């Protein structure tokens, strides 16, 4: 199963413990105030599996550990 969405959607799935792998595509650009990822989510153990930088984006893949 794949879930796509913004920070609010991702935070809800993380808080519910329904995520086993997280793929982030980080672009250093903010529209308006932005929304914080991991806001209101209890402590997570993330293991970085892969990262790849491109011209305007960094792709990061992490496993969520229990």
C-alpha atoms as a PDB file:
ATOM      1  CA  UNK A   1       0.000   0.000   0.000  1.00  0.00           C
ATOM      2  CA  UNK A   2       1.213   3.470  -0.793  1.00  0.00           C
ATOM      3  CA  UNK A   3       0.045   6.683   0.837  1.00  0.00           C
ATOM      4  CA  UNK A   4       0.693  10.015  -0.825  1.00  0.00           C
ATOM      5  CA  UNK A   5       0.014  13.350   0.699  1.00  0.00           C
ATOM      6  CA  UNK A   6       1.334  16.300   2.568  1.00  0.00           C
ATOM      7  CA  UNK A   7       2.722  16.544   6.064  1.00  0.00           C
ATOM      8  CA  UNK A   8      -0.677  16.331   7.779  1.00  0.00           C
ATOM      9  CA  UNK A   9      -1.580  13.068   6.010  1.00  0.00           C
ATOM     10  CA  UNK A  10       1.846  11.530   6.631  1.00  0.00           C
ATOM     11  CA  UNK A  11       1.753  12.550  10.319  1.00  0.00           C
ATOM     12  CA  UNK A  12      -1.642  10.859  10.763  1.00  0.00           C
ATOM     13  CA  UNK A  13      -0.387   7.563   9.321  1.00  0.00           C
ATOM     14  CA  UNK A  14       2.852   7.739  11.332  1.00  0.00           C
ATOM     15  CA  UNK A  15       0.953   8.439  14.571  1.00  0.00           C
ATOM     16  CA  UNK A  16      -1.296   5.443  13.876  1.00  0.00           C
ATOM     17  CA  UNK A  17       1.760   3.181  13.379  1.00  0.00           C
ATOM     18  CA  UNK A  18       0.765   2.322   9.813  1.00  0.00           C
ATOM     19  CA  UNK A  19       4.040   3.249   8.087  1.00  0.00           C
ATOM     20  CA  UNK A  20       6.937   0.832   7.626  1.00  0.00           C
ATOM     21  CA  UNK A  21       8.875   2.783   4.985  1.00  0.00           C
ATOM     22  CA  UNK A  22       9.057   6.512   4.405  1.00  0.00           C
ATOM     23  CA  UNK A  23      10.176   8.115   1.144  1.00  0.00           C
ATOM     24  CA  UNK A  24      10.718  11.840   1.356  1.00  0.00           C
ATOM     25  CA  UNK A  25      11.330  14.159  -1.566  1.00  0.00           C
ATOM     26  CA  UNK A  26      12.776  17.299  -0.019  1.00  0.00           C
ATOM     27  CA  UNK A  27      12.700  20.554  -1.978  1.00  0.00           C
ATOM     28  CA  UNK A  28      14.069  23.656  -0.208  1.00  0.00           C
ATOM     29  CA  UNK A  29      11.107  25.869  -1.086  1.00  0.00           C
ATOM     30  CA  UNK A  30       8.206  27.051   1.076  1.00  0.00           C
ATOM     31  CA  UNK A  31       4.866  28.341  -0.109  1.00  0.00           C
ATOM     32  CA  UNK A  32       3.206  30.374   2.596  1.00  0.00           C
ATOM     33  CA  UNK A  33       3.937  29.200   6.124  1.00  0.00           C
ATOM     34  CA  UNK A  34       4.471  25.551   5.218  1.00  0.00           C
ATOM     35  CA  UNK A  35       3.492  22.563   7.344  1.00  0.00           C
ATOM     36  CA  UNK A  36       5.903  20.739   9.643  1.00  0.00           C
ATOM     37  CA  UNK A  37       6.460  17.043   9.064  1.00  0.00           C
ATOM     38  CA  UNK A  38       6.552  14.898  12.244  1.00  0.00           C
ATOM     39  CA  UNK A  39       4.580  17.562  14.145  1.00  0.00           C
ATOM     40  CA  UNK A  40       2.652  15.886  16.970  1.00  0.00           C
ATOM     41  CA  UNK A  41       4.122  12.450  16.216  1.00  0.00           C
ATOM     42  CA  UNK A  42       5.740  10.653  19.144  1.00  0.00           C
ATOM     43  CA  UNK A  43       9.415   9.702  18.905  1.00  0.00           C
ATOM     44  CA  UNK A  44      10.221   7.613  15.840  1.00  0.00           C
ATOM     45  CA  UNK A  45      13.183   5.396  15.106  1.00  0.00           C
ATOM     46  CA  UNK A  46      14.096   5.939  11.472  1.00  0.00           C
ATOM     47  CA  UNK A  47      16.852   4.038   9.680  1.00  0.00           C
ATOM     48  CA  UNK A  48      18.090   5.780   6.540  1.00  0.00           C
ATOM     49  CA  UNK A  49      18.293   3.243   3.728  1.00  0.00           C
ATOM     50  CA  UNK A  50      19.067   5.467   0.773  1.00  0.00           C
ATOM     51  CA  UNK A  51      19.549   9.102  -0.192  1.00  0.00           C
ATOM     52  CA  UNK A  52      20.061  10.677  -3.566  1.00  0.00           C
ATOM     53  CA  UNK A  53      20.561  14.336  -4.407  1.00  0.00           C
ATOM     54  CA  UNK A  54      19.443  15.945  -7.644  1.00  0.00           C
ATOM     55  CA  UNK A  55      19.559  19.542  -8.838  1.00  0.00           C
ATOM     56  CA  UNK A  56      16.641  20.892  -6.783  1.00  0.00           C
ATOM     57  CA  UNK A  57      15.519  17.926  -4.689  1.00  0.00           C
ATOM     58  CA  UNK A  58      16.914  15.338  -2.278  1.00  0.00           C
ATOM     59  CA  UNK A  59      15.288  11.902  -2.152  1.00  0.00           C
ATOM     60  CA  UNK A  60      15.539  10.069   1.178  1.00  0.00           C
ATOM     61  CA  UNK A  61      14.256   6.569   1.943  1.00  0.00           C
ATOM     62  CA  UNK A  62      13.929   5.419   5.569  1.00  0.00           C
ATOM     63  CA  UNK A  63      12.597   2.366   7.386  1.00  0.00           C
ATOM     64  CA  UNK A  64      10.432   3.026  10.401  1.00  0.00           C
ATOM     65  CA  UNK A  65      11.684   0.830  13.259  1.00  0.00           C
ATOM     66  CA  UNK A  66       9.483  -0.322  16.152  1.00  0.00           C
END
